[in-house]
N, C-alpha and C. Protein backbone atom coordinates (compact mmCIF):
# COMPACT_ATOMS: atom_id res chain seq x y z
N UNK A 1 -6.60 1.95 -17.06
CA UNK A 1 -5.99 0.79 -16.56
C UNK A 1 -7.13 -0.06 -15.88
N UNK A 2 -7.03 -1.31 -15.90
CA UNK A 2 -7.81 -2.23 -15.00
C UNK A 2 -7.15 -2.49 -13.75
N UNK A 3 -7.70 -2.07 -12.65
CA UNK A 3 -7.04 -2.23 -11.41
C UNK A 3 -7.85 -3.00 -10.40
N UNK A 4 -7.19 -3.70 -9.58
CA UNK A 4 -7.87 -4.40 -8.27
C UNK A 4 -7.19 -3.70 -7.23
N UNK A 5 -8.08 -3.37 -6.21
CA UNK A 5 -7.46 -2.62 -4.90
C UNK A 5 -8.07 -3.55 -3.74
N UNK A 6 -6.97 -4.05 -2.94
CA UNK A 6 -7.23 -4.73 -1.80
C UNK A 6 -7.24 -3.81 -0.62
N UNK A 7 -7.94 -3.97 0.54
CA UNK A 7 -7.98 -2.97 1.62
C UNK A 7 -8.64 -1.73 1.29
N UNK A 8 -9.62 -1.92 0.53
CA UNK A 8 -10.38 -0.74 -0.21
C UNK A 8 -11.32 0.05 0.84
N UNK A 9 -11.50 -0.54 2.09
CA UNK A 9 -12.39 0.21 2.96
C UNK A 9 -11.41 0.98 4.03
N UNK A 10 -10.06 0.83 4.08
CA UNK A 10 -9.35 1.54 4.80
C UNK A 10 -9.15 2.87 4.37
N UNK A 11 -8.36 3.84 5.11
CA UNK A 11 -8.19 5.20 4.82
C UNK A 11 -7.49 5.40 3.50
N UNK A 12 -6.33 4.70 3.35
CA UNK A 12 -5.64 4.71 2.09
C UNK A 12 -6.38 4.15 0.98
N UNK A 13 -6.81 2.89 1.14
CA UNK A 13 -7.63 2.22 0.19
C UNK A 13 -8.75 2.94 -0.45
N UNK A 14 -9.61 3.59 0.45
CA UNK A 14 -10.73 4.53 -0.09
C UNK A 14 -10.24 5.49 -1.09
N UNK A 15 -9.12 6.14 -0.53
CA UNK A 15 -8.49 7.24 -1.47
C UNK A 15 -8.11 6.72 -2.80
N UNK A 16 -7.38 5.48 -2.85
CA UNK A 16 -7.02 4.85 -3.93
C UNK A 16 -8.13 4.67 -4.93
N UNK A 17 -9.20 4.01 -4.48
CA UNK A 17 -10.47 3.90 -5.23
C UNK A 17 -10.96 5.15 -5.84
N UNK A 18 -11.19 5.92 -4.89
CA UNK A 18 -11.85 7.25 -5.37
C UNK A 18 -11.04 7.95 -6.46
N UNK A 19 -9.66 8.14 -6.28
CA UNK A 19 -8.96 8.79 -7.25
C UNK A 19 -8.72 8.04 -8.38
N UNK A 20 -8.64 6.58 -8.44
CA UNK A 20 -8.58 5.79 -9.55
C UNK A 20 -9.73 5.89 -10.39
N UNK A 21 -10.98 5.91 -9.83
CA UNK A 21 -12.25 6.06 -10.57
C UNK A 21 -12.38 7.48 -11.16
N UNK A 22 -11.90 8.55 -10.53
CA UNK A 22 -11.93 9.84 -11.02
C UNK A 22 -11.08 9.98 -12.29
N UNK A 23 -9.97 9.27 -12.24
CA UNK A 23 -9.01 9.17 -13.36
C UNK A 23 -9.39 8.43 -14.51
N UNK A 24 -10.58 7.68 -14.47
CA UNK A 24 -11.11 6.95 -15.61
C UNK A 24 -10.68 5.40 -15.57
N UNK A 25 -9.94 4.99 -14.46
CA UNK A 25 -9.53 3.66 -14.44
C UNK A 25 -10.84 2.67 -14.19
N UNK A 26 -10.68 1.42 -14.51
CA UNK A 26 -11.65 0.44 -14.21
C UNK A 26 -11.14 -0.19 -12.94
N UNK A 27 -11.95 -0.11 -11.89
CA UNK A 27 -11.66 -0.49 -10.60
C UNK A 27 -12.44 -1.59 -10.13
N UNK A 28 -11.68 -2.72 -9.62
CA UNK A 28 -12.33 -3.79 -8.78
C UNK A 28 -11.86 -3.77 -7.36
N UNK A 29 -12.66 -3.78 -6.47
CA UNK A 29 -12.34 -3.70 -5.05
C UNK A 29 -12.60 -5.15 -4.33
N UNK A 30 -11.70 -5.39 -3.45
CA UNK A 30 -11.86 -6.70 -2.65
C UNK A 30 -11.92 -6.31 -1.05
N UNK A 31 -13.16 -6.61 -0.73
CA UNK A 31 -13.36 -6.11 0.64
C UNK A 31 -13.94 -7.32 1.54
N UNK A 32 -13.80 -7.25 2.80
CA UNK A 32 -14.23 -8.26 3.83
C UNK A 32 -15.67 -7.97 3.96
N UNK A 33 -15.89 -6.70 4.19
CA UNK A 33 -17.40 -6.37 4.63
C UNK A 33 -17.86 -5.23 3.54
N UNK A 34 -18.70 -5.58 2.41
CA UNK A 34 -19.16 -4.60 1.42
C UNK A 34 -19.96 -3.45 2.12
N UNK A 35 -20.46 -3.61 3.30
CA UNK A 35 -20.94 -2.42 3.86
C UNK A 35 -20.05 -1.43 4.33
N UNK A 36 -18.77 -1.80 4.36
CA UNK A 36 -17.76 -0.82 4.71
C UNK A 36 -17.34 0.23 3.60
N UNK A 37 -17.75 -0.05 2.31
CA UNK A 37 -17.37 0.63 1.24
C UNK A 37 -18.40 1.91 1.09
N UNK A 38 -17.94 3.14 1.16
CA UNK A 38 -18.80 4.14 1.13
C UNK A 38 -19.53 4.32 -0.17
N UNK A 39 -20.72 4.98 -0.12
CA UNK A 39 -21.58 5.06 -1.40
C UNK A 39 -20.81 5.90 -2.47
N UNK A 40 -19.94 6.80 -2.06
CA UNK A 40 -19.25 7.58 -3.03
C UNK A 40 -18.36 6.80 -3.94
N UNK A 41 -18.07 5.51 -3.56
CA UNK A 41 -17.13 4.66 -4.34
C UNK A 41 -18.01 3.56 -5.04
N UNK A 42 -19.26 3.89 -5.22
CA UNK A 42 -20.15 2.86 -5.90
C UNK A 42 -19.70 2.60 -7.24
N UNK A 43 -18.96 3.46 -7.92
CA UNK A 43 -18.47 3.19 -9.29
C UNK A 43 -17.55 1.98 -9.41
N UNK A 44 -17.16 1.40 -8.30
CA UNK A 44 -16.18 0.25 -8.45
C UNK A 44 -16.84 -0.97 -8.40
N UNK A 45 -16.41 -1.88 -9.23
CA UNK A 45 -16.92 -3.26 -9.16
C UNK A 45 -16.56 -3.88 -7.87
N UNK A 46 -17.56 -4.49 -7.19
CA UNK A 46 -17.31 -5.34 -5.96
C UNK A 46 -17.01 -6.70 -6.25
N UNK A 47 -15.94 -7.02 -5.66
CA UNK A 47 -15.56 -8.55 -5.74
C UNK A 47 -15.21 -8.95 -4.17
N UNK A 48 -16.15 -9.38 -3.55
CA UNK A 48 -16.09 -9.52 -2.13
C UNK A 48 -15.30 -10.93 -1.90
N UNK A 49 -14.05 -11.04 -1.46
CA UNK A 49 -13.45 -12.25 -1.25
C UNK A 49 -13.27 -12.45 0.24
N UNK A 50 -14.16 -13.22 0.86
CA UNK A 50 -14.27 -13.37 2.24
C UNK A 50 -14.16 -14.79 2.64
N UNK A 51 -13.11 -15.33 3.28
CA UNK A 51 -11.77 -14.68 3.65
C UNK A 51 -10.79 -14.51 2.54
N UNK A 52 -9.79 -13.94 2.91
CA UNK A 52 -8.80 -13.64 1.63
C UNK A 52 -7.94 -15.01 1.58
N UNK A 53 -8.13 -16.06 2.39
CA UNK A 53 -7.41 -17.26 2.16
C UNK A 53 -8.23 -18.20 1.17
N UNK A 54 -9.23 -17.62 0.47
CA UNK A 54 -9.95 -18.38 -0.55
C UNK A 54 -9.16 -18.07 -1.77
N UNK A 55 -8.36 -18.94 -2.11
CA UNK A 55 -7.45 -18.81 -3.24
C UNK A 55 -8.07 -18.58 -4.49
N UNK A 56 -9.27 -19.21 -4.76
CA UNK A 56 -9.96 -19.13 -6.00
C UNK A 56 -10.45 -17.71 -6.10
N UNK A 57 -11.09 -17.21 -4.94
CA UNK A 57 -11.65 -15.79 -5.05
C UNK A 57 -10.66 -14.68 -5.23
N UNK A 58 -9.52 -14.96 -4.55
CA UNK A 58 -8.49 -13.84 -4.88
C UNK A 58 -7.95 -14.00 -6.30
N UNK A 59 -7.79 -15.15 -6.68
CA UNK A 59 -7.42 -15.20 -8.24
C UNK A 59 -8.50 -14.56 -9.12
N UNK A 60 -9.67 -14.87 -8.84
CA UNK A 60 -10.79 -14.21 -9.68
C UNK A 60 -10.70 -12.66 -9.65
N UNK A 61 -10.25 -12.11 -8.59
CA UNK A 61 -10.14 -10.64 -8.31
C UNK A 61 -9.09 -10.03 -9.02
N UNK A 62 -8.00 -10.81 -9.45
CA UNK A 62 -6.80 -10.18 -9.98
C UNK A 62 -6.77 -10.63 -11.35
N UNK A 63 -7.65 -11.58 -11.84
CA UNK A 63 -7.68 -12.15 -13.17
C UNK A 63 -7.78 -10.81 -14.23
N UNK A 64 -7.05 -10.85 -15.25
CA UNK A 64 -7.31 -9.82 -16.26
C UNK A 64 -7.00 -8.38 -15.90
N UNK A 65 -6.36 -8.36 -14.69
CA UNK A 65 -5.96 -6.90 -14.33
C UNK A 65 -4.64 -6.47 -14.89
N UNK A 66 -4.50 -5.09 -14.95
CA UNK A 66 -3.11 -4.58 -15.48
C UNK A 66 -2.40 -4.33 -14.39
N UNK A 67 -2.81 -4.13 -13.17
CA UNK A 67 -2.07 -3.92 -11.84
C UNK A 67 -2.99 -4.06 -10.75
N UNK A 68 -2.33 -4.31 -9.59
CA UNK A 68 -2.97 -4.52 -8.27
C UNK A 68 -2.39 -3.45 -7.29
N UNK A 69 -3.26 -2.89 -6.51
CA UNK A 69 -2.73 -1.96 -5.37
C UNK A 69 -3.30 -2.60 -4.00
N UNK A 70 -2.45 -2.45 -2.97
CA UNK A 70 -2.85 -2.83 -1.62
C UNK A 70 -2.64 -1.80 -0.64
N UNK A 71 -3.83 -1.67 0.15
CA UNK A 71 -3.85 -0.76 1.30
C UNK A 71 -3.85 -1.55 2.63
N UNK A 72 -3.64 -2.89 2.50
CA UNK A 72 -3.88 -3.86 3.64
C UNK A 72 -2.82 -3.56 4.72
N UNK A 73 -3.28 -3.75 5.87
CA UNK A 73 -2.45 -3.58 7.01
C UNK A 73 -3.22 -3.66 8.27
N UNK A 74 -2.54 -3.76 9.33
CA UNK A 74 -3.27 -3.71 10.74
C UNK A 74 -3.69 -2.40 11.09
N UNK A 75 -4.89 -2.27 11.75
CA UNK A 75 -5.35 -0.93 12.21
C UNK A 75 -5.01 -0.76 13.71
N UNK A 76 -4.29 -1.63 14.34
CA UNK A 76 -3.87 -1.51 15.69
C UNK A 76 -2.50 -1.89 15.79
N UNK A 77 -1.90 -1.79 17.05
CA UNK A 77 -0.56 -2.07 17.48
C UNK A 77 -0.17 -3.55 17.05
N UNK A 78 -1.12 -4.42 17.22
CA UNK A 78 -0.88 -5.88 17.13
C UNK A 78 -1.17 -6.35 15.52
N UNK A 79 -0.13 -6.58 14.87
CA UNK A 79 -0.28 -6.84 13.42
C UNK A 79 -0.80 -8.35 13.13
N UNK A 80 -0.33 -9.12 14.02
CA UNK A 80 -0.70 -10.59 13.81
C UNK A 80 -0.32 -11.07 12.49
N UNK A 81 0.78 -10.50 11.69
CA UNK A 81 1.24 -11.05 10.59
C UNK A 81 0.27 -10.88 9.40
N UNK A 82 -0.61 -9.90 9.50
CA UNK A 82 -1.59 -9.74 8.48
C UNK A 82 -1.04 -9.26 7.08
N UNK A 83 -0.12 -8.25 7.18
CA UNK A 83 0.42 -7.78 5.98
C UNK A 83 1.19 -8.76 5.23
N UNK A 84 2.05 -9.41 5.96
CA UNK A 84 2.90 -10.42 5.36
C UNK A 84 1.94 -11.72 4.71
N UNK A 85 1.08 -12.12 5.57
CA UNK A 85 0.15 -13.15 5.18
C UNK A 85 -0.78 -12.91 3.93
N UNK A 86 -1.35 -11.79 3.93
CA UNK A 86 -2.34 -11.46 2.98
C UNK A 86 -1.57 -11.07 1.59
N UNK A 87 -0.46 -10.36 1.82
CA UNK A 87 0.24 -9.92 0.61
C UNK A 87 0.77 -11.12 -0.15
N UNK A 88 1.22 -12.28 0.74
CA UNK A 88 1.77 -13.44 0.08
C UNK A 88 0.62 -14.13 -0.67
N UNK A 89 -0.64 -14.03 -0.23
CA UNK A 89 -1.80 -14.67 -0.96
C UNK A 89 -2.05 -13.97 -2.23
N UNK A 90 -1.95 -12.61 -2.26
CA UNK A 90 -2.07 -11.78 -3.38
C UNK A 90 -0.99 -12.13 -4.45
N UNK A 91 0.24 -12.23 -3.92
CA UNK A 91 1.21 -12.54 -4.98
C UNK A 91 0.96 -13.98 -5.58
N UNK A 92 0.69 -14.92 -4.79
CA UNK A 92 0.44 -16.25 -5.33
C UNK A 92 -0.68 -16.19 -6.41
N UNK A 93 -1.76 -15.41 -6.14
CA UNK A 93 -2.82 -15.42 -7.13
C UNK A 93 -2.43 -14.62 -8.34
N UNK A 94 -1.60 -13.47 -8.22
CA UNK A 94 -1.13 -12.77 -9.37
C UNK A 94 -0.14 -13.70 -10.23
N UNK A 95 0.68 -14.41 -9.60
CA UNK A 95 1.66 -15.28 -10.37
C UNK A 95 0.75 -16.24 -11.26
N UNK A 96 -0.38 -16.84 -10.47
CA UNK A 96 -1.16 -17.77 -11.09
C UNK A 96 -1.87 -17.20 -12.42
N UNK A 97 -2.24 -15.80 -12.31
CA UNK A 97 -2.87 -15.24 -13.34
C UNK A 97 -2.05 -14.39 -14.27
N UNK A 98 -0.75 -14.45 -14.05
CA UNK A 98 0.30 -13.77 -14.91
C UNK A 98 0.05 -12.18 -14.94
N UNK A 99 -0.31 -11.79 -13.67
CA UNK A 99 -0.34 -10.23 -13.38
C UNK A 99 0.78 -9.80 -12.71
N UNK A 100 1.47 -8.83 -13.15
CA UNK A 100 2.86 -8.57 -12.60
C UNK A 100 3.01 -7.27 -11.69
N UNK A 101 2.27 -6.19 -12.02
CA UNK A 101 2.49 -5.04 -11.23
C UNK A 101 1.76 -4.95 -10.08
N UNK A 102 2.47 -4.66 -8.91
CA UNK A 102 1.80 -4.58 -7.69
C UNK A 102 2.45 -3.34 -6.87
N UNK A 103 1.50 -2.62 -6.31
CA UNK A 103 2.01 -1.40 -5.40
C UNK A 103 1.31 -1.60 -4.18
N UNK A 104 2.20 -1.53 -3.06
CA UNK A 104 1.52 -1.78 -1.72
C UNK A 104 1.95 -0.49 -0.89
N UNK A 105 1.20 -0.32 0.27
CA UNK A 105 1.66 0.66 1.24
C UNK A 105 2.29 -0.04 2.41
N UNK A 106 3.48 0.60 2.89
CA UNK A 106 4.23 0.00 3.96
C UNK A 106 4.32 1.16 5.06
N UNK A 107 5.51 1.40 5.49
CA UNK A 107 5.72 2.51 6.45
C UNK A 107 7.15 3.01 6.56
N UNK A 108 7.35 4.30 6.69
CA UNK A 108 8.69 4.88 6.75
C UNK A 108 9.71 4.05 7.67
N UNK A 109 9.34 3.68 8.76
CA UNK A 109 10.39 3.03 9.59
C UNK A 109 10.89 1.68 9.14
N UNK A 110 10.13 1.12 8.12
CA UNK A 110 10.73 -0.14 7.47
C UNK A 110 11.99 0.27 6.62
N UNK A 111 11.91 1.50 6.11
CA UNK A 111 13.10 1.80 5.24
C UNK A 111 14.24 2.31 5.99
N UNK A 112 15.30 2.73 5.31
CA UNK A 112 16.50 3.32 5.98
C UNK A 112 16.23 4.67 6.52
N UNK A 113 17.11 4.92 7.52
CA UNK A 113 16.98 6.35 8.17
C UNK A 113 17.46 7.41 7.10
N UNK A 114 16.76 8.48 7.01
CA UNK A 114 17.07 9.55 6.25
C UNK A 114 18.49 10.06 6.21
N UNK A 115 19.18 10.32 5.20
CA UNK A 115 20.44 10.96 5.21
C UNK A 115 20.36 12.42 5.81
N UNK A 116 21.17 12.66 6.76
CA UNK A 116 21.08 13.93 7.38
C UNK A 116 20.01 14.37 8.29
N UNK A 117 19.24 13.41 8.72
CA UNK A 117 18.09 13.63 9.70
C UNK A 117 18.64 14.16 10.96
N UNK A 118 17.97 15.21 11.51
CA UNK A 118 18.45 15.87 12.82
C UNK A 118 18.31 14.67 13.92
N UNK A 119 19.05 14.87 14.96
CA UNK A 119 19.16 13.94 15.99
C UNK A 119 17.60 13.70 16.63
N UNK A 120 16.96 14.84 16.78
CA UNK A 120 15.61 14.57 17.34
C UNK A 120 14.67 13.68 16.54
N UNK A 121 14.78 13.98 15.20
CA UNK A 121 13.98 13.21 14.23
C UNK A 121 14.32 11.70 14.33
N UNK A 122 15.73 11.36 14.40
CA UNK A 122 16.12 10.07 14.52
C UNK A 122 15.63 9.45 15.80
N UNK A 123 15.71 10.16 16.90
CA UNK A 123 15.25 9.58 18.16
C UNK A 123 13.75 9.34 18.13
N UNK A 124 12.96 10.32 17.71
CA UNK A 124 11.51 10.17 17.52
C UNK A 124 11.18 8.87 16.78
N UNK A 125 11.93 8.70 15.69
CA UNK A 125 11.60 7.52 14.76
C UNK A 125 11.75 6.19 15.48
N UNK A 126 12.83 6.19 16.34
CA UNK A 126 13.25 5.05 17.09
C UNK A 126 12.21 4.73 18.22
N UNK A 127 11.79 5.82 18.85
CA UNK A 127 10.79 5.58 19.88
C UNK A 127 9.52 5.04 19.24
N UNK A 128 9.06 5.58 18.12
CA UNK A 128 7.71 5.17 17.49
C UNK A 128 8.05 3.80 17.03
N UNK A 129 9.19 3.52 16.45
CA UNK A 129 9.54 2.05 15.97
C UNK A 129 9.45 1.06 17.06
N UNK A 130 9.89 1.47 18.33
CA UNK A 130 9.75 0.72 19.53
C UNK A 130 8.26 0.41 19.89
N UNK A 131 7.53 1.37 19.90
CA UNK A 131 6.06 1.32 20.33
C UNK A 131 5.37 0.49 19.50
N UNK A 132 5.60 0.66 18.08
CA UNK A 132 4.82 -0.13 17.05
C UNK A 132 5.61 -1.18 16.41
N UNK A 133 6.54 -1.88 17.23
CA UNK A 133 7.35 -2.77 16.70
C UNK A 133 6.78 -4.01 16.02
N UNK A 134 5.70 -4.43 16.57
CA UNK A 134 4.98 -5.55 15.90
C UNK A 134 4.48 -5.33 14.49
N UNK A 135 3.95 -4.18 14.47
CA UNK A 135 3.41 -3.71 13.23
C UNK A 135 4.52 -3.54 12.12
N UNK A 136 5.58 -2.89 12.52
CA UNK A 136 6.71 -2.57 11.52
C UNK A 136 7.52 -3.91 11.16
N UNK A 137 7.47 -4.88 12.16
CA UNK A 137 8.12 -6.24 11.86
C UNK A 137 7.24 -6.92 10.88
N UNK A 138 6.01 -6.86 10.85
CA UNK A 138 5.10 -7.41 9.97
C UNK A 138 5.40 -6.84 8.59
N UNK A 139 5.45 -5.54 8.47
CA UNK A 139 5.64 -4.72 7.19
C UNK A 139 7.00 -5.23 6.63
N UNK A 140 8.02 -5.32 7.49
CA UNK A 140 9.36 -5.67 7.06
C UNK A 140 9.28 -7.05 6.39
N UNK A 141 8.52 -8.04 7.15
CA UNK A 141 8.47 -9.39 6.49
C UNK A 141 7.78 -9.32 5.20
N UNK A 142 6.62 -8.51 5.26
CA UNK A 142 5.89 -8.36 3.99
C UNK A 142 6.84 -7.82 2.83
N UNK A 143 7.64 -6.85 3.05
CA UNK A 143 8.72 -6.50 2.06
C UNK A 143 9.74 -7.51 1.67
N UNK A 144 10.05 -8.29 2.55
CA UNK A 144 10.91 -9.49 2.22
C UNK A 144 10.21 -10.48 1.24
N UNK A 145 8.83 -10.69 1.60
CA UNK A 145 8.18 -11.63 0.63
C UNK A 145 7.97 -10.96 -0.73
N UNK A 146 7.80 -9.62 -0.81
CA UNK A 146 7.92 -8.95 -2.05
C UNK A 146 9.12 -9.13 -2.87
N UNK A 147 10.35 -9.04 -2.04
CA UNK A 147 11.71 -8.98 -2.70
C UNK A 147 11.95 -10.36 -3.31
N UNK A 148 11.35 -11.43 -2.79
CA UNK A 148 11.59 -12.78 -3.27
C UNK A 148 10.60 -13.22 -4.26
N UNK A 149 9.67 -12.31 -4.69
CA UNK A 149 8.68 -12.77 -5.61
C UNK A 149 9.03 -12.39 -6.99
N UNK A 150 8.20 -12.83 -7.98
CA UNK A 150 8.39 -12.47 -9.37
C UNK A 150 7.78 -11.27 -9.88
N UNK A 151 7.02 -10.66 -8.97
CA UNK A 151 6.19 -9.51 -9.22
C UNK A 151 7.04 -8.24 -9.48
N UNK A 152 6.48 -7.39 -10.33
CA UNK A 152 7.00 -6.00 -10.44
C UNK A 152 6.40 -5.19 -9.33
N UNK A 153 7.03 -5.14 -8.10
CA UNK A 153 6.51 -4.58 -6.98
C UNK A 153 7.08 -3.22 -6.67
N UNK A 154 6.29 -2.41 -5.87
CA UNK A 154 6.84 -1.16 -5.28
C UNK A 154 6.23 -1.13 -3.91
N UNK A 155 7.01 -0.76 -2.92
CA UNK A 155 6.58 -0.53 -1.57
C UNK A 155 6.69 0.89 -1.18
N UNK A 156 5.44 1.49 -0.95
CA UNK A 156 5.42 2.93 -0.67
C UNK A 156 5.55 3.16 0.92
N UNK A 157 6.38 3.98 1.26
CA UNK A 157 6.61 3.94 2.73
C UNK A 157 6.48 5.45 3.37
N UNK A 158 5.32 5.66 3.71
CA UNK A 158 4.80 7.04 4.36
C UNK A 158 5.24 7.14 5.75
N UNK A 159 5.37 8.28 6.36
CA UNK A 159 5.35 8.43 7.79
C UNK A 159 4.07 8.55 8.39
N UNK A 160 3.81 9.37 9.34
CA UNK A 160 2.59 9.39 10.06
C UNK A 160 1.49 9.91 9.02
N UNK A 161 0.29 9.24 9.03
CA UNK A 161 -0.74 9.50 8.12
C UNK A 161 -1.80 10.44 8.60
N UNK A 162 -2.22 11.43 7.84
CA UNK A 162 -3.16 12.42 8.20
C UNK A 162 -4.39 12.31 7.30
N UNK A 163 -5.51 13.00 7.63
CA UNK A 163 -6.61 12.93 6.91
C UNK A 163 -6.67 14.23 6.08
N UNK A 164 -5.51 14.83 5.81
CA UNK A 164 -5.50 16.13 4.98
C UNK A 164 -5.99 15.93 3.58
N UNK A 165 -6.00 16.90 2.71
CA UNK A 165 -6.34 16.78 1.39
C UNK A 165 -5.28 16.33 0.50
N UNK A 166 -5.69 15.87 -0.76
CA UNK A 166 -4.71 15.59 -1.73
C UNK A 166 -4.17 16.96 -2.30
N UNK A 167 -2.68 17.05 -2.30
CA UNK A 167 -2.06 18.23 -2.70
C UNK A 167 -1.19 17.84 -4.00
N UNK A 168 -0.80 16.66 -4.07
CA UNK A 168 0.07 16.27 -5.16
C UNK A 168 1.41 16.83 -5.04
N UNK A 169 1.69 17.35 -3.90
CA UNK A 169 2.95 18.17 -3.77
C UNK A 169 3.72 17.53 -2.39
N UNK A 170 4.59 16.64 -2.75
CA UNK A 170 5.27 15.76 -1.66
C UNK A 170 6.68 15.55 -2.06
N UNK A 171 7.53 15.09 -1.23
CA UNK A 171 8.81 14.50 -1.72
C UNK A 171 8.81 12.96 -1.76
N UNK A 172 9.64 12.47 -2.67
CA UNK A 172 9.89 11.00 -2.54
C UNK A 172 11.29 10.74 -2.84
N UNK A 173 11.71 9.63 -2.27
CA UNK A 173 13.08 9.12 -2.33
C UNK A 173 12.97 7.61 -2.77
N UNK A 174 13.38 7.34 -3.88
CA UNK A 174 13.36 5.87 -4.22
C UNK A 174 14.64 5.24 -3.67
N UNK A 175 14.29 4.17 -2.84
CA UNK A 175 15.36 3.35 -2.10
C UNK A 175 15.75 4.06 -0.78
N UNK A 176 14.97 5.22 -0.46
CA UNK A 176 15.33 5.83 0.87
C UNK A 176 14.19 6.55 1.45
N UNK A 177 14.48 7.49 2.34
CA UNK A 177 13.52 8.27 3.02
C UNK A 177 13.84 9.65 2.98
N UNK A 178 12.66 10.54 2.83
CA UNK A 178 12.90 11.94 2.83
C UNK A 178 13.49 12.46 4.20
N UNK A 179 14.41 13.32 3.97
CA UNK A 179 14.78 14.05 5.39
C UNK A 179 13.79 14.80 6.12
N UNK A 180 13.72 14.61 7.52
CA UNK A 180 12.73 15.23 8.29
C UNK A 180 11.21 15.02 7.74
N UNK A 181 10.98 13.87 7.19
CA UNK A 181 9.74 13.62 6.71
C UNK A 181 8.66 13.10 7.89
N UNK A 182 7.89 13.96 8.26
CA UNK A 182 7.08 13.71 9.41
C UNK A 182 5.73 13.29 9.16
N UNK A 183 5.11 13.73 8.11
CA UNK A 183 3.63 13.38 7.86
C UNK A 183 3.31 13.44 6.45
N UNK A 184 2.24 12.84 6.05
CA UNK A 184 1.59 12.86 4.75
C UNK A 184 0.19 12.48 4.73
N UNK A 185 -0.65 13.02 4.03
CA UNK A 185 -2.16 12.86 4.02
C UNK A 185 -2.26 11.40 3.31
N UNK A 186 -3.29 10.65 3.75
CA UNK A 186 -3.67 9.49 3.10
C UNK A 186 -4.01 9.68 1.54
N UNK A 187 -4.51 10.80 1.32
CA UNK A 187 -4.90 11.23 0.00
C UNK A 187 -3.70 11.29 -0.89
N UNK A 188 -2.59 11.78 -0.30
CA UNK A 188 -1.40 11.93 -1.12
C UNK A 188 -0.66 10.74 -1.21
N UNK A 189 -0.82 9.75 -0.22
CA UNK A 189 -0.30 8.56 -0.41
C UNK A 189 -0.86 7.78 -1.55
N UNK A 190 -2.12 7.76 -1.63
CA UNK A 190 -2.92 7.24 -2.79
C UNK A 190 -2.45 7.81 -4.07
N UNK A 191 -2.40 9.15 -4.19
CA UNK A 191 -1.99 9.74 -5.27
C UNK A 191 -0.48 9.26 -5.63
N UNK A 192 0.31 9.07 -4.92
CA UNK A 192 1.67 8.63 -5.12
C UNK A 192 1.74 7.19 -5.65
N UNK A 193 0.85 6.42 -5.01
CA UNK A 193 0.71 4.92 -5.43
C UNK A 193 0.22 4.86 -6.76
N UNK A 194 -0.74 5.61 -7.24
CA UNK A 194 -1.38 5.55 -8.52
C UNK A 194 -0.32 6.19 -9.55
N UNK A 195 0.53 7.15 -9.18
CA UNK A 195 1.43 7.80 -10.09
C UNK A 195 2.55 6.81 -10.20
N UNK A 196 2.86 5.79 -9.40
CA UNK A 196 3.89 4.96 -9.59
C UNK A 196 3.69 3.82 -10.36
N UNK A 197 2.30 3.60 -10.68
CA UNK A 197 2.05 2.33 -11.44
C UNK A 197 2.79 2.13 -12.70
N UNK A 198 2.94 3.32 -13.46
CA UNK A 198 3.68 3.14 -14.76
C UNK A 198 4.93 3.79 -14.79
N UNK A 199 5.55 3.87 -13.58
CA UNK A 199 6.98 4.48 -13.41
C UNK A 199 8.00 3.23 -13.21
N UNK A 200 8.74 2.91 -14.22
CA UNK A 200 9.71 1.82 -14.07
C UNK A 200 10.81 2.06 -13.16
N UNK A 201 11.05 3.35 -12.67
CA UNK A 201 12.05 3.53 -11.88
C UNK A 201 11.67 3.28 -10.34
N UNK A 202 10.57 2.91 -10.22
CA UNK A 202 10.06 2.45 -8.82
C UNK A 202 9.86 0.89 -8.71
N UNK A 203 10.14 0.17 -9.71
CA UNK A 203 9.93 -1.29 -9.80
C UNK A 203 10.96 -1.86 -8.86
N UNK A 204 10.54 -2.87 -7.94
CA UNK A 204 11.45 -3.56 -7.11
C UNK A 204 12.16 -2.53 -6.25
N UNK A 205 11.49 -1.55 -5.71
CA UNK A 205 11.93 -0.60 -4.90
C UNK A 205 11.06 -0.18 -3.76
N UNK A 206 11.60 0.15 -2.61
CA UNK A 206 10.89 0.86 -1.53
C UNK A 206 10.98 2.32 -1.78
N UNK A 207 9.89 3.14 -1.57
CA UNK A 207 10.10 4.46 -2.02
C UNK A 207 9.38 5.28 -0.79
N UNK A 208 10.29 6.08 -0.19
CA UNK A 208 9.86 6.97 0.85
C UNK A 208 9.04 8.20 0.23
N UNK A 209 7.98 8.63 1.02
CA UNK A 209 7.21 9.75 0.64
C UNK A 209 6.92 10.55 1.90
N UNK A 210 7.01 11.86 1.73
CA UNK A 210 6.59 12.73 2.91
C UNK A 210 6.50 14.14 2.34
N UNK A 211 5.84 14.97 3.27
CA UNK A 211 5.92 16.45 2.93
C UNK A 211 7.26 17.08 3.11
């Protein structure tokens, strides 16, 4: 497939690019700082759109693509609306170029509580949600933008991210959250996102994933 990856220098983004290249996909990456892209990902075509509010540059990055993946998001507690704002710009470019498939990374607290979660897990989730409320509010608004778009979108909602290896073994719940799902590696988040590209059962859905 011909893919474009936004947020390619982040932890999940780098994994998406690396795994997509290894699987034989044609990958274009959109980065703010080309120096932030590891040499190991040199097989990806570089399309530097700086800043992302350059509508022509973003359109050029998605033109002719089969699908778009996004690892965009805040790297701190203060989101400043980055996920909502940048995802909206990507959607506008995709609509203009008639590209429909989009898979983005969100977060577990944006989805519903897991059915049957122990009390301690529910309390922990709520405490974390309060601490990172700005970040999760931004992601929730991003998902609202997706829901009102014409794209064939999927929002992947992991819990705590780790730097562990790709295992390919994790749980997923379409429209929900895995019970007692506490962590997952960035590598497995990328694996899940790529696997969902051609899964019609995940279109217009939030998908919870966890070990």
